[in-house]
Amino acid sequence: QVQLVESGGGLVQPGGSLRLSCAASGFTFSRFIMRWYRQAPGKERELVADISSYGGRINYAASVKGRFTISRDNAKNTVYLQMNSLKPEDTAVYYCHVGSYWGQGTQVTVSS
């Protein structure tokens, strides 16, 4: 049974940083592209970043490029999203995704 469990969200001031984690189980983690999505209130879910199975290929949404870093540890079955220079418009629920599976999401709120 595939499980994706996100953690690390919270409230942070503009300009601050957070590191999200997604612990995966129930599948061979190292074989799959992992993705982070986010959904802000009243908006569609959007792809934030993805990373290939061994990390050799990474893509970012234009809105986060240069501020966010996706990484993975295949030994720990975990994918990360380091978010720096956070802006109020980054406020959203962040979801981990693989194949057709989603985590439960973790709330990130950027506000002073």
C-alpha atoms as a PDB file:
ATOM      1  CA  GLN A   1       0.000   0.000   0.000  1.00  0.00           C
ATOM      2  CA  VAL A   2       1.510   3.286  -1.123  1.00  0.00           C
ATOM      3  CA  GLN A   3       1.811   5.905   1.600  1.00  0.00           C
ATOM      4  CA  LEU A   4       3.158   9.439   1.338  1.00  0.00           C
ATOM      5  CA  VAL A   5       3.446  11.405   4.562  1.00  0.00           C
ATOM      6  CA  GLU A   6       4.393  15.073   4.388  1.00  0.00           C
ATOM      7  CA  SER A   7       5.764  17.077   7.287  1.00  0.00           C
ATOM      8  CA  GLY A   8       7.559  20.340   7.982  1.00  0.00           C
ATOM      9  CA  GLY A   9       4.902  22.895   7.165  1.00  0.00           C
ATOM     10  CA  GLY A  10       4.023  25.802   9.410  1.00  0.00           C
ATOM     11  CA  LEU A  11       3.800  29.545   9.783  1.00  0.00           C
ATOM     12  CA  VAL A  12       6.798  31.592   8.698  1.00  0.00           C
ATOM     13  CA  GLN A  13       7.464  35.270   8.103  1.00  0.00           C
ATOM     14  CA  PRO A  14       8.190  36.598   4.614  1.00  0.00           C
ATOM     15  CA  GLY A  15      11.820  35.966   3.758  1.00  0.00           C
ATOM     16  CA  GLY A  16      11.969  32.934   6.000  1.00  0.00           C
ATOM     17  CA  SER A  17      12.673  29.291   5.237  1.00  0.00           C
ATOM     18  CA  LEU A  18      11.032  25.922   5.700  1.00  0.00           C
ATOM     19  CA  ARG A  19      12.025  22.399   4.797  1.00  0.00           C
ATOM     20  CA  LEU A  20       9.296  19.973   3.821  1.00  0.00           C
ATOM     21  CA  SER A  21       9.772  16.214   3.956  1.00  0.00           C
ATOM     22  CA  CYS A  22       7.779  13.422   2.367  1.00  0.00           C
ATOM     23  CA  ALA A  23       8.321   9.928   3.727  1.00  0.00           C
ATOM     24  CA  ALA A  24       7.293   7.281   1.211  1.00  0.00           C
ATOM     25  CA  SER A  25       6.489   3.597   1.625  1.00  0.00           C
ATOM     26  CA  GLY A  26       4.782   0.755  -0.192  1.00  0.00           C
ATOM     27  CA  PHE A  27       6.714   0.985  -3.451  1.00  0.00           C
ATOM     28  CA  THR A  28      10.278   0.945  -4.766  1.00  0.00           C
ATOM     29  CA  PHE A  29      11.061   4.582  -4.115  1.00  0.00           C
ATOM     30  CA  SER A  30      14.272   4.761  -6.125  1.00  0.00           C
ATOM     31  CA  ARG A  31      12.469   3.849  -9.344  1.00  0.00           C
ATOM     32  CA  PHE A  32      10.058   6.759  -9.465  1.00  0.00           C
ATOM     33  CA  ILE A  33       9.987  10.452 -10.236  1.00  0.00           C
ATOM     34  CA  MET A  34       8.788  12.347  -7.170  1.00  0.00           C
ATOM     35  CA  ARG A  35       6.872  15.599  -7.313  1.00  0.00           C
ATOM     36  CA  TRP A  36       5.808  18.418  -5.024  1.00  0.00           C
ATOM     37  CA  TYR A  37       2.571  20.243  -5.801  1.00  0.00           C
ATOM     38  CA  ARG A  38       0.807  23.040  -3.989  1.00  0.00           C
ATOM     39  CA  GLN A  39      -2.721  24.379  -3.869  1.00  0.00           C
ATOM     40  CA  ALA A  40      -3.588  27.828  -2.626  1.00  0.00           C
ATOM     41  CA  PRO A  41      -7.135  28.745  -1.551  1.00  0.00           C
ATOM     42  CA  GLY A  42      -9.363  29.236  -4.581  1.00  0.00           C
ATOM     43  CA  LYS A  43      -6.660  28.154  -7.010  1.00  0.00           C
ATOM     44  CA  GLU A  44      -5.859  25.008  -8.941  1.00  0.00           C
ATOM     45  CA  ARG A  45      -3.197  22.613  -7.750  1.00  0.00           C
ATOM     46  CA  GLU A  46       0.120  23.407  -9.428  1.00  0.00           C
ATOM     47  CA  LEU A  47       3.382  21.539  -9.883  1.00  0.00           C
ATOM     48  CA  VAL A  48       6.162  23.100  -7.832  1.00  0.00           C
ATOM     49  CA  ALA A  49       9.095  20.790  -8.555  1.00  0.00           C
ATOM     50  CA  ASP A  50       9.972  17.280  -9.599  1.00  0.00           C
ATOM     51  CA  ILE A  51      13.050  15.104  -9.367  1.00  0.00           C
ATOM     52  CA  SER A  52      14.011  12.008 -11.349  1.00  0.00           C
ATOM     53  CA  SER A  53      14.610   8.659  -9.725  1.00  0.00           C
ATOM     54  CA  TYR A  54      18.282   9.262  -8.898  1.00  0.00           C
ATOM     55  CA  GLY A  55      18.145  13.031  -8.850  1.00  0.00           C
ATOM     56  CA  GLY A  56      19.843  13.644 -12.161  1.00  0.00           C
ATOM     57  CA  ARG A  57      16.990  15.659 -13.622  1.00  0.00           C
ATOM     58  CA  ILE A  58      15.145  18.367 -11.716  1.00  0.00           C
ATOM     59  CA  ASN A  59      12.482  20.831 -12.801  1.00  0.00           C
ATOM     60  CA  TYR A  60      10.976  23.834 -11.052  1.00  0.00           C
ATOM     61  CA  ALA A  61       8.022  26.073 -11.598  1.00  0.00           C
ATOM     62  CA  ALA A  62       9.131  29.514 -12.722  1.00  0.00           C
ATOM     63  CA  SER A  63       7.598  31.047  -9.606  1.00  0.00           C
ATOM     64  CA  VAL A  64       9.935  29.143  -7.261  1.00  0.00           C
ATOM     65  CA  LYS A  65      13.110  28.757  -9.319  1.00  0.00           C
ATOM     66  CA  GLY A  66      16.124  30.046  -7.436  1.00  0.00           C
ATOM     67  CA  ARG A  67      14.315  29.935  -4.078  1.00  0.00           C
ATOM     68  CA  PHE A  68      13.242  26.290  -3.688  1.00  0.00           C
ATOM     69  CA  THR A  69      15.382  23.162  -3.875  1.00  0.00           C
ATOM     70  CA  ILE A  70      14.039  19.642  -4.299  1.00  0.00           C
ATOM     71  CA  SER A  71      16.170  16.694  -3.254  1.00  0.00           C
ATOM     72  CA  ARG A  72      15.782  13.051  -2.343  1.00  0.00           C
ATOM     73  CA  ASP A  73      17.431  10.406  -0.218  1.00  0.00           C
ATOM     74  CA  ASN A  74      16.714   7.008  -1.736  1.00  0.00           C
ATOM     75  CA  ALA A  75      18.214   5.244   1.286  1.00  0.00           C
ATOM     76  CA  LYS A  76      15.586   6.915   3.481  1.00  0.00           C
ATOM     77  CA  ASN A  77      12.715   6.796   0.951  1.00  0.00           C
ATOM     78  CA  THR A  78      12.269  10.520   1.467  1.00  0.00           C
ATOM     79  CA  VAL A  79      11.949  13.540  -0.784  1.00  0.00           C
ATOM     80  CA  TYR A  80      12.537  17.073   0.467  1.00  0.00           C
ATOM     81  CA  LEU A  81      11.624  20.588  -0.527  1.00  0.00           C
ATOM     82  CA  GLN A  82      13.841  23.320   0.878  1.00  0.00           C
ATOM     83  CA  MET A  83      12.024  26.623   0.599  1.00  0.00           C
ATOM     84  CA  ASN A  84      13.952  29.863   1.071  1.00  0.00           C
ATOM     85  CA  SER A  85      13.026  33.518   0.654  1.00  0.00           C
ATOM     86  CA  LEU A  86       9.400  32.640   1.186  1.00  0.00           C
ATOM     87  CA  LYS A  87       6.726  35.050  -0.004  1.00  0.00           C
ATOM     88  CA  PRO A  88       3.079  35.429   1.016  1.00  0.00           C
ATOM     89  CA  GLU A  89       2.104  34.020  -2.379  1.00  0.00           C
ATOM     90  CA  ASP A  90       3.808  30.748  -1.441  1.00  0.00           C
ATOM     91  CA  THR A  91       1.032  30.167   1.087  1.00  0.00           C
ATOM     92  CA  ALA A  92      -0.645  26.876   0.159  1.00  0.00           C
ATOM     93  CA  VAL A  93      -1.088  23.261   1.077  1.00  0.00           C
ATOM     94  CA  TYR A  94       1.916  21.374  -0.248  1.00  0.00           C
ATOM     95  CA  TYR A  95       1.473  17.824  -1.500  1.00  0.00           C
ATOM     96  CA  CYS A  96       3.860  15.020  -2.298  1.00  0.00           C
ATOM     97  CA  HIS A  97       2.966  12.980  -5.389  1.00  0.00           C
ATOM     98  CA  VAL A  98       4.044   9.780  -7.124  1.00  0.00           C
ATOM     99  CA  GLY A  99       2.230   8.006  -9.945  1.00  0.00           C
ATOM    100  CA  SER A 100      -1.445   8.348  -9.064  1.00  0.00           C
ATOM    101  CA  TYR A 101      -0.883   8.764  -5.335  1.00  0.00           C
ATOM    102  CA  TRP A 102      -1.000  11.857  -3.145  1.00  0.00           C
ATOM    103  CA  GLY A 103      -0.023  12.594   0.400  1.00  0.00           C
ATOM    104  CA  GLN A 104      -2.369  14.299   2.810  1.00  0.00           C
ATOM    105  CA  GLY A 105      -0.631  17.649   2.422  1.00  0.00           C
ATOM    106  CA  THR A 106       1.087  20.041   4.796  1.00  0.00           C
ATOM    107  CA  GLN A 107       0.054  23.665   5.266  1.00  0.00           C
ATOM    108  CA  VAL A 108       2.585  26.414   4.609  1.00  0.00           C
ATOM    109  CA  THR A 109       1.565  29.919   5.621  1.00  0.00           C
ATOM    110  CA  VAL A 110       3.803  32.900   4.902  1.00  0.00           C
ATOM    111  CA  SER A 111       2.646  35.934   6.817  1.00  0.00           C
ATOM    112  CA  SER A 112       3.940  38.689   9.060  1.00  0.00           C
END
